[in-house]
Amino acid sequence: MDRRGGELAVRFLSSYTAAQLRYTALMQLLENIPVWGDPIDPASLAQIRLCARGAAYAALMADHHKGYAVPIGGVVAYQNAISPSGVGYDIACGNKAVRLDIPAAEVRADISRIMDLIWEHIAFGIGRQNDARVDHPLFNDEAWTLKPLAGLKNTARQQLGTVGSGNHYVDIFVDEQERVWVGVHFGSRGLGHKTATYFLRAGGARDGMDVEPLVLPLGTSLGDDYLAAMHLAGRYAYAGRDWVCAEVARLLGAHILEEVHNHHNFAWQEEHFGQTWWVVRKGATPAFPGQRGFVGGSMGDISVILEGIESEEAQTALHSTVHGAGRVMSRTAARGKINRKTGAVIKPGLVTPEMMHAWVQRAGVTLRGAGTDESPHAYKRLPEVLAHHAGSIRILHTLTPIGVAMAGEDEYDPYKD
């Protein structure tokens, strides 16, 4: 491991060990809602309180920040019901990491060319199509006959394997054993957004952030149709992340040795406290004992491969953990207010391109694309966030980024959360 990677790992392990000794002080029970994190965001807390009124259980992970109706980092359980607001607009957004059989020294020496290849061959941005036609058995699924999905199959087929914009990425990492990993983060693209929009409107959801979440009873036509559409979008997101990881491995001339794959905007039927619930996780990673997850930091910080462990705290979190570092400033605050038609700056942001590039250069990261709204300045530090969940997870690998590719500064992310 190089000196920089070693320092990052030591910093993480130190904070993680300290948290293990005091994790009970890091989880607060507020109005019967377990909340992790310090400081606790008042806006997110207000949102999860509103969600809890119509739910069987609710919790808030340490990377929480405000979302549409349901906070990012929110975990909400329902009895025989499901919440499209909780799953969010980017249905089945998630992470996948794969370990490759290529020497780290070889990748480090060629990282600039590798990132150029990724930037040229993988489609980043809004409304993009994949130049390579990707076929998949999911396009034969009966769910495509549902009214909400009518007319979406062709667009979905064209977009399969595209990454999108916002905080979605393709990263190259090296772990503590000098092994190379590829990590990706994106969801169901336009298919998920249009599906969510249909059901939110059909269910009478109010538009906005500080509103009650839409909850659909299962056993009704609308609730059951949403569940079927959500599962299809989940399969679609998995297929897209599978394709991108395989394509990057091909570009590097490498083979995939192991993989870690998980959604973090989804709903699962699970057993908790002797009851069967539909658990909706919005920006939260499932972490049952032994279940592995890939959790990404910002473009200039570490990411991790973790697994859930059995503990009282894990049960309290409904076997959930963070999905990332969590924002400390909104996209508008970081980037500024810009006229999307003219490109004119209406209000400057708190982060300049010079600040962002200085950070990633210090971290030794080769960057392609990305806007200041995704700068490390806009995020919490992942080791500090993970430390709040030290009683429910175990870190298996620390991944140090050496290459990051994201959509460019001029791309607007309409897919919300």
Protein backbone atom coordinates (compact mmCIF):
# COMPACT_ATOMS: atom_id res chain seq x y z
CA MET A 1 0.00 0.00 0.00
CA ASP A 2 1.31 3.48 -0.83
CA ARG A 3 1.76 6.09 1.92
CA ARG A 4 -1.39 8.02 1.01
CA GLY A 5 -3.56 4.88 1.04
CA GLY A 6 -2.01 3.80 4.33
CA GLU A 7 -2.74 7.14 5.96
CA LEU A 8 -6.36 6.98 4.85
CA ALA A 9 -6.74 3.46 6.21
CA VAL A 10 -5.16 4.36 9.56
CA ARG A 11 -7.39 7.43 9.89
CA PHE A 12 -10.44 5.29 9.15
CA LEU A 13 -9.50 2.47 11.49
CA SER A 14 -8.76 4.89 14.32
CA SER A 15 -12.18 6.53 14.08
CA TYR A 16 -13.84 3.14 13.64
CA THR A 17 -12.23 1.66 16.76
CA ALA A 18 -13.11 4.71 18.83
CA ALA A 19 -16.71 4.43 17.73
CA GLN A 20 -16.90 0.76 18.72
CA LEU A 21 -16.21 1.82 22.31
CA ARG A 22 -18.96 4.42 22.34
CA TYR A 23 -21.47 3.57 19.62
CA THR A 24 -24.43 3.60 22.01
CA ALA A 25 -23.88 7.33 22.48
CA LEU A 26 -23.95 7.87 18.72
CA MET A 27 -27.44 6.45 18.22
CA GLN A 28 -30.19 8.56 19.70
CA LEU A 29 -33.80 7.51 20.22
CA LEU A 30 -35.90 10.50 19.25
CA GLU A 31 -39.67 10.00 19.60
CA ASN A 32 -39.08 6.24 19.27
CA ILE A 33 -37.09 6.75 16.07
CA PRO A 34 -33.45 5.56 16.19
CA VAL A 35 -31.23 8.18 14.58
CA TRP A 36 -27.50 7.93 13.84
CA GLY A 37 -25.16 10.79 13.04
CA ASP A 38 -23.63 13.91 14.53
CA PRO A 39 -24.82 16.53 14.01
CA ILE A 40 -28.37 15.42 13.29
CA ASP A 41 -29.93 17.33 10.43
CA PRO A 42 -33.18 18.98 11.66
CA ALA A 43 -34.80 18.92 8.20
CA SER A 44 -34.17 15.18 7.79
CA LEU A 45 -35.41 14.53 11.32
CA ALA A 46 -38.64 16.41 10.59
CA GLN A 47 -39.12 14.31 7.46
CA ILE A 48 -38.58 10.95 9.17
CA ARG A 49 -40.96 11.98 11.95
CA LEU A 50 -43.63 12.62 9.34
CA CYS A 51 -42.89 9.28 7.68
CA ALA A 52 -43.14 7.44 11.01
CA ARG A 53 -46.76 8.53 11.55
CA GLY A 54 -48.04 6.09 8.95
CA ALA A 55 -45.41 3.38 9.38
CA ALA A 56 -44.73 0.38 11.58
CA TYR A 57 -41.14 1.48 12.18
CA ALA A 58 -38.69 4.16 11.04
CA ALA A 59 -34.96 4.85 11.42
CA LEU A 60 -32.42 7.34 10.09
CA MET A 61 -28.87 6.41 9.06
CA ALA A 62 -25.78 8.56 9.75
CA ASP A 63 -25.44 9.83 6.15
CA HIS A 64 -28.92 11.33 6.25
CA HIS A 65 -29.90 14.49 4.43
CA LYS A 66 -33.11 15.95 3.10
CA GLY A 67 -34.92 14.20 0.24
CA TYR A 68 -38.28 14.29 -1.51
CA ALA A 69 -40.89 13.41 1.17
CA VAL A 70 -38.54 10.80 2.69
CA PRO A 71 -34.99 11.72 3.78
CA ILE A 72 -31.98 10.13 2.15
CA GLY A 73 -30.75 7.62 4.71
CA GLY A 74 -34.31 6.88 5.78
CA VAL A 75 -35.48 3.34 6.57
CA VAL A 76 -39.26 3.00 6.87
CA ALA A 77 -41.19 -0.26 7.40
CA TYR A 78 -44.85 -0.85 6.55
CA GLN A 79 -47.26 -3.68 7.20
CA ASN A 80 -48.74 -4.84 3.90
CA ALA A 81 -48.06 -1.51 2.20
CA ILE A 82 -45.33 0.13 0.15
CA SER A 83 -44.19 3.72 -0.39
CA PRO A 84 -43.19 4.97 -3.86
CA SER A 85 -42.00 8.17 -2.14
CA GLY A 86 -39.66 6.09 0.01
CA VAL A 87 -38.17 4.13 -2.87
CA GLY A 88 -37.81 7.44 -4.68
CA TYR A 89 -37.53 8.59 -8.27
CA ASP A 90 -34.34 6.64 -8.97
CA ILE A 91 -35.82 3.21 -8.32
CA ALA A 92 -33.16 0.61 -7.50
CA CYS A 93 -30.27 3.03 -7.51
CA GLY A 94 -27.38 1.08 -6.08
CA ASN A 95 -23.70 0.20 -6.05
CA LYS A 96 -21.64 -2.57 -7.53
CA ALA A 97 -17.94 -3.26 -6.99
CA VAL A 98 -15.87 -5.93 -8.72
CA ARG A 99 -12.32 -7.06 -8.03
CA LEU A 100 -10.13 -7.63 -11.09
CA ASP A 101 -7.11 -9.85 -11.78
CA ILE A 102 -4.91 -7.02 -13.04
CA PRO A 103 -1.83 -5.73 -11.14
CA ALA A 104 -2.34 -2.41 -9.40
CA ALA A 105 1.05 -1.15 -10.60
CA GLU A 106 -0.01 -1.71 -14.21
CA VAL A 107 -3.25 0.23 -13.70
CA ARG A 108 -1.56 3.08 -11.83
CA ALA A 109 1.00 3.48 -14.60
CA ASP A 110 -1.71 3.65 -17.27
CA ILE A 111 -4.51 5.37 -15.34
CA SER A 112 -4.83 8.41 -17.62
CA ARG A 113 -5.36 6.28 -20.73
CA ILE A 114 -7.70 3.94 -18.81
CA MET A 115 -9.91 6.82 -17.71
CA ASP A 116 -9.97 8.15 -21.28
CA LEU A 117 -11.16 4.71 -22.45
CA ILE A 118 -13.91 4.62 -19.82
CA TRP A 119 -14.99 8.18 -20.68
CA GLU A 120 -15.14 7.31 -24.39
CA HIS A 121 -16.89 3.93 -24.13
CA ILE A 122 -19.36 4.41 -21.25
CA ALA A 123 -22.24 6.86 -21.72
CA PHE A 124 -22.46 9.52 -19.00
CA GLY A 125 -25.20 12.16 -18.88
CA ILE A 126 -28.94 12.64 -19.21
CA GLY A 127 -30.96 10.97 -21.95
CA ARG A 128 -27.90 9.20 -23.36
CA GLN A 129 -28.15 5.95 -25.27
CA ASN A 130 -25.72 3.07 -25.23
CA ASP A 131 -23.91 2.72 -28.55
CA ALA A 132 -23.67 -1.02 -27.87
CA ARG A 133 -27.03 -2.80 -28.01
CA VAL A 134 -27.45 -4.74 -24.77
CA ASP A 135 -30.00 -7.55 -24.80
CA HIS A 136 -31.28 -9.11 -21.60
CA PRO A 137 -33.99 -11.62 -20.58
CA LEU A 138 -35.68 -8.92 -18.47
CA PHE A 139 -37.11 -7.42 -21.68
CA ASN A 140 -39.35 -10.52 -21.92
CA ASP A 141 -40.84 -9.87 -18.47
CA GLU A 142 -44.64 -9.77 -18.28
CA ALA A 143 -44.44 -6.56 -16.23
CA TRP A 144 -43.83 -4.59 -19.44
CA THR A 145 -47.54 -5.09 -20.23
CA LEU A 146 -48.52 -2.95 -17.23
CA LYS A 147 -50.14 0.37 -18.22
CA PRO A 148 -47.53 2.51 -16.37
CA LEU A 149 -44.74 0.86 -18.38
CA ALA A 150 -46.40 1.14 -21.76
CA GLY A 151 -44.03 2.67 -24.26
CA LEU A 152 -41.01 2.59 -21.95
CA LYS A 153 -39.37 -0.65 -23.11
CA ASN A 154 -37.61 0.72 -26.17
CA THR A 155 -36.12 3.70 -24.30
CA ALA A 156 -35.10 1.42 -21.44
CA ARG A 157 -33.40 -0.95 -23.88
CA GLN A 158 -31.46 1.94 -25.44
CA GLN A 159 -30.39 3.28 -22.03
CA LEU A 160 -29.32 -0.03 -20.48
CA GLY A 161 -25.68 0.33 -19.45
CA THR A 162 -25.66 4.15 -19.36
CA VAL A 163 -24.60 5.83 -16.12
CA GLY A 164 -26.43 9.17 -16.05
CA SER A 165 -25.40 12.27 -14.12
CA GLY A 166 -25.55 13.68 -10.59
CA ASN A 167 -23.60 11.56 -8.13
CA HIS A 168 -23.43 8.54 -10.44
CA TYR A 169 -19.97 7.32 -11.36
CA VAL A 170 -17.48 4.73 -12.55
CA ASP A 171 -14.41 4.54 -10.29
CA ILE A 172 -11.14 2.64 -10.29
CA PHE A 173 -9.83 1.72 -6.81
CA VAL A 174 -6.89 -0.01 -5.18
CA ASP A 175 -7.47 -1.75 -1.86
CA GLU A 176 -5.20 -2.27 1.18
CA GLN A 177 -3.69 -5.36 -0.48
CA GLU A 178 -2.89 -3.49 -3.72
CA ARG A 179 -5.75 -5.18 -5.59
CA VAL A 180 -7.74 -3.39 -8.26
CA TRP A 181 -11.51 -2.82 -7.95
CA VAL A 182 -14.05 -1.14 -10.22
CA GLY A 183 -16.99 0.55 -8.52
CA VAL A 184 -20.16 1.92 -10.11
CA HIS A 185 -23.16 3.82 -8.77
CA PHE A 186 -26.40 4.39 -10.71
CA GLY A 187 -29.96 3.13 -10.93
CA SER A 188 -32.80 2.47 -13.33
CA ARG A 189 -32.32 5.65 -15.38
CA GLY A 190 -35.35 7.08 -17.21
CA LEU A 191 -37.34 3.89 -16.67
CA GLY A 192 -37.27 4.33 -12.90
CA HIS A 193 -37.94 8.06 -13.00
CA LYS A 194 -40.94 7.77 -15.32
CA THR A 195 -42.32 4.80 -13.39
CA ALA A 196 -42.07 6.64 -10.08
CA THR A 197 -43.62 9.76 -11.57
CA TYR A 198 -46.60 7.78 -12.87
CA PHE A 199 -47.39 6.12 -9.54
CA LEU A 200 -46.84 9.26 -7.46
CA ARG A 201 -49.33 11.11 -9.65
CA ALA A 202 -51.79 8.21 -9.80
CA GLY A 203 -51.67 7.89 -6.02
CA GLY A 204 -52.31 11.60 -5.49
CA ALA A 205 -48.94 12.44 -3.94
CA ARG A 206 -48.21 16.09 -3.31
CA ASP A 207 -45.16 17.43 -5.08
CA GLY A 208 -42.32 18.76 -2.96
CA MET A 209 -39.98 17.79 -0.15
CA ASP A 210 -41.85 18.64 3.04
CA VAL A 211 -44.92 16.56 2.24
CA GLU A 212 -46.37 13.29 3.50
CA PRO A 213 -45.01 10.26 1.66
CA LEU A 214 -47.35 8.36 -0.61
CA VAL A 215 -48.15 4.92 0.85
CA LEU A 216 -49.96 2.36 -1.30
CA PRO A 217 -51.72 -0.62 0.34
CA LEU A 218 -50.77 -3.95 -1.17
CA GLY A 219 -53.68 -6.05 -2.38
CA THR A 220 -54.91 -3.05 -4.39
CA SER A 221 -54.37 -2.73 -8.13
CA LEU A 222 -52.22 0.39 -7.79
CA GLY A 223 -50.11 -1.05 -4.97
CA ASP A 224 -49.60 -4.40 -6.65
CA ASP A 225 -48.78 -2.80 -10.01
CA TYR A 226 -46.20 -0.57 -8.33
CA LEU A 227 -44.58 -3.57 -6.64
CA ALA A 228 -44.31 -5.39 -9.99
CA ALA A 229 -42.90 -2.28 -11.71
CA MET A 230 -40.42 -1.69 -8.87
CA HIS A 231 -39.10 -5.24 -9.15
CA LEU A 232 -38.70 -4.85 -12.92
CA ALA A 233 -36.79 -1.59 -12.42
CA GLY A 234 -34.64 -3.43 -9.87
CA ARG A 235 -33.72 -6.12 -12.36
CA TYR A 236 -33.01 -3.41 -14.95
CA ALA A 237 -30.68 -1.49 -12.61
CA TYR A 238 -28.81 -4.69 -11.72
CA ALA A 239 -28.41 -5.54 -15.42
CA GLY A 240 -27.05 -2.07 -16.18
CA ARG A 241 -24.47 -2.16 -13.40
CA ASP A 242 -23.48 -5.70 -14.40
CA TRP A 243 -22.89 -4.56 -17.98
CA VAL A 244 -20.83 -1.50 -17.06
CA CYS A 245 -18.58 -3.45 -14.69
CA ALA A 246 -18.07 -6.18 -17.28
CA GLU A 247 -17.34 -3.57 -19.97
CA VAL A 248 -14.72 -1.81 -17.84
CA ALA A 249 -13.07 -5.15 -17.10
CA ARG A 250 -13.00 -5.82 -20.84
CA LEU A 251 -11.45 -2.42 -21.56
CA LEU A 252 -8.72 -3.22 -19.03
CA GLY A 253 -8.18 -6.70 -20.45
CA ALA A 254 -9.00 -8.16 -17.03
CA HIS A 255 -11.30 -10.77 -15.51
CA ILE A 256 -13.70 -10.31 -12.61
CA LEU A 257 -12.70 -12.37 -9.55
CA GLU A 258 -15.42 -11.32 -7.09
CA GLU A 259 -18.31 -8.90 -6.90
CA VAL A 260 -20.42 -7.04 -4.35
CA HIS A 261 -23.78 -5.71 -5.52
CA ASN A 262 -26.68 -4.01 -3.77
CA HIS A 263 -29.59 -1.62 -4.21
CA HIS A 264 -30.08 1.27 -1.79
CA ASN A 265 -33.36 2.73 -3.15
CA PHE A 266 -35.69 -0.23 -2.89
CA ALA A 267 -38.19 -2.17 -0.76
CA TRP A 268 -37.91 -5.73 0.51
CA GLN A 269 -40.29 -7.98 2.45
CA GLU A 270 -38.42 -8.92 5.64
CA GLU A 271 -38.85 -10.35 9.13
CA HIS A 272 -38.07 -8.01 12.04
CA PHE A 273 -39.04 -8.32 15.70
CA GLY A 274 -41.20 -11.32 14.88
CA GLN A 275 -43.22 -9.43 12.27
CA THR A 276 -43.30 -9.37 8.48
CA TRP A 277 -42.83 -5.89 7.04
CA TRP A 278 -42.10 -4.21 3.75
CA VAL A 279 -38.88 -2.33 4.50
CA VAL A 280 -38.25 0.70 2.30
CA ARG A 281 -34.65 1.92 2.23
CA LYS A 282 -33.97 5.27 0.60
CA GLY A 283 -30.25 5.85 0.39
CA ALA A 284 -29.63 3.04 2.89
CA THR A 285 -27.76 -0.22 2.31
CA PRO A 286 -29.08 -3.61 3.52
CA ALA A 287 -26.58 -5.06 6.00
CA PHE A 288 -27.80 -8.36 7.41
CA PRO A 289 -25.21 -10.49 9.23
CA GLY A 290 -22.67 -11.64 6.64
CA GLN A 291 -24.24 -9.59 3.85
CA ARG A 292 -21.62 -7.57 1.99
CA GLY A 293 -22.12 -4.08 0.65
CA PHE A 294 -20.15 -1.54 -1.34
CA VAL A 295 -20.39 1.98 0.12
CA GLY A 296 -18.81 4.84 -1.79
CA GLY A 297 -17.33 8.07 -0.52
CA SER A 298 -16.89 11.24 -2.57
CA MET A 299 -14.52 11.48 -5.54
CA GLY A 300 -11.52 12.31 -3.33
CA ASP A 301 -12.10 9.97 -0.40
CA ILE A 302 -12.02 6.27 0.38
CA SER A 303 -14.86 3.81 -0.25
CA VAL A 304 -15.35 0.50 1.54
CA ILE A 305 -16.53 -3.07 1.22
CA LEU A 306 -18.39 -3.89 4.42
CA GLU A 307 -20.59 -6.60 5.87
CA GLY A 308 -23.32 -6.63 8.46
CA ILE A 309 -22.80 -8.23 11.87
CA GLU A 310 -25.32 -9.46 14.42
CA SER A 311 -25.93 -7.05 17.27
CA GLU A 312 -28.69 -5.25 19.08
CA GLU A 313 -27.80 -2.10 17.20
CA ALA A 314 -28.09 -3.94 13.87
CA GLN A 315 -31.60 -5.06 14.79
CA THR A 316 -32.50 -1.50 15.79
CA ALA A 317 -31.38 -0.32 12.34
CA LEU A 318 -33.45 -3.07 10.67
CA HIS A 319 -30.11 -4.43 9.46
CA SER A 320 -29.40 -1.28 7.46
CA THR A 321 -26.43 1.04 7.13
CA VAL A 322 -25.31 4.06 5.12
CA HIS A 323 -25.07 4.15 1.32
CA GLY A 324 -22.44 6.88 1.13
CA ALA A 325 -20.89 9.78 2.97
CA GLY A 326 -23.91 12.10 2.86
CA ARG A 327 -24.05 15.70 1.72
CA VAL A 328 -23.15 18.71 3.86
CA MET A 329 -24.34 21.24 1.29
CA SER A 330 -26.96 21.13 -1.43
CA ARG A 331 -26.08 20.99 -5.10
CA THR A 332 -27.18 24.61 -5.53
CA ALA A 333 -25.10 25.76 -2.57
CA ALA A 334 -22.00 24.00 -3.91
CA ARG A 335 -22.38 24.81 -7.58
CA GLY A 336 -24.30 28.07 -7.42
CA LYS A 337 -27.45 29.04 -9.26
CA ILE A 338 -27.05 28.83 -13.02
CA ASN A 339 -29.44 29.62 -15.86
CA ARG A 340 -29.62 26.23 -17.58
CA LYS A 341 -30.64 27.79 -20.91
CA THR A 342 -27.87 30.38 -21.15
CA GLY A 343 -25.28 28.99 -18.75
CA ALA A 344 -25.08 32.37 -17.02
CA VAL A 345 -24.17 32.34 -13.33
CA ILE A 346 -27.01 33.84 -11.31
CA LYS A 347 -25.41 33.21 -7.92
CA PRO A 348 -21.86 31.87 -7.35
CA GLY A 349 -21.47 28.60 -5.48
CA LEU A 350 -19.39 27.83 -2.42
CA VAL A 351 -17.11 25.47 -4.39
CA THR A 352 -15.02 26.56 -7.37
CA PRO A 353 -13.59 24.23 -10.03
CA GLU A 354 -10.11 25.17 -8.74
CA MET A 355 -11.04 23.99 -5.22
CA MET A 356 -12.42 20.69 -6.55
CA HIS A 357 -9.43 19.93 -8.78
CA ALA A 358 -6.95 20.85 -6.04
CA TRP A 359 -8.62 18.32 -3.72
CA VAL A 360 -8.60 15.42 -6.18
CA GLN A 361 -5.03 16.17 -7.22
CA ARG A 362 -3.91 16.00 -3.58
CA ALA A 363 -5.73 12.67 -3.32
CA GLY A 364 -3.92 11.37 -6.42
CA VAL A 365 -7.14 10.88 -8.40
CA THR A 366 -7.35 11.11 -12.18
CA LEU A 367 -10.72 12.77 -12.87
CA ARG A 368 -12.91 12.76 -15.95
CA GLY A 369 -16.03 14.93 -16.03
CA ALA A 370 -17.72 15.90 -12.73
CA GLY A 371 -19.16 19.20 -11.55
CA THR A 372 -18.52 21.24 -8.44
CA ASP A 373 -21.82 20.00 -6.95
CA GLU A 374 -20.06 16.63 -6.59
CA SER A 375 -16.83 18.00 -5.14
CA PRO A 376 -15.58 16.39 -1.90
CA HIS A 377 -16.29 19.76 -0.25
CA ALA A 378 -20.02 19.02 -0.59
CA TYR A 379 -19.80 15.74 1.36
CA LYS A 380 -19.08 14.44 4.83
CA ARG A 381 -16.00 12.27 5.34
CA LEU A 382 -16.95 8.62 4.95
CA PRO A 383 -14.81 7.24 7.84
CA GLU A 384 -16.55 9.57 10.27
CA VAL A 385 -19.99 8.56 8.98
CA LEU A 386 -19.21 4.83 9.12
CA ALA A 387 -17.94 5.20 12.67
CA HIS A 388 -21.50 5.89 13.81
CA HIS A 389 -22.52 2.40 12.68
CA ALA A 390 -19.51 0.57 14.11
CA GLY A 391 -21.76 -1.62 16.25
CA SER A 392 -23.57 -3.12 13.25
CA ILE A 393 -20.98 -3.43 10.45
CA ARG A 394 -17.49 -4.78 9.84
CA ILE A 395 -15.15 -3.20 7.27
CA LEU A 396 -13.64 -5.83 4.97
CA HIS A 397 -11.71 -3.67 2.53
CA THR A 398 -10.74 0.00 2.26
CA LEU A 399 -10.74 1.20 -1.35
CA THR A 400 -8.62 4.19 -2.35
CA PRO A 401 -9.70 5.87 -5.63
CA ILE A 402 -7.16 6.42 -8.38
CA GLY A 403 -9.60 7.18 -11.22
CA VAL A 404 -13.09 8.74 -11.21
CA ALA A 405 -15.46 9.33 -14.14
CA MET A 406 -18.76 11.22 -13.81
CA ALA A 407 -21.02 13.30 -16.04
CA GLY A 408 -19.68 16.74 -16.84
CA GLU A 409 -20.33 20.11 -15.22
CA ASP A 410 -22.98 21.05 -17.77
CA GLU A 411 -25.19 18.04 -17.04
CA TYR A 412 -28.31 18.61 -14.94
CA ASP A 413 -29.61 15.68 -12.89
CA PRO A 414 -33.44 15.57 -13.15
CA TYR A 415 -33.83 12.16 -11.54
CA LYS A 416 -33.95 13.60 -8.02
CA ASP A 417 -33.60 10.77 -5.48
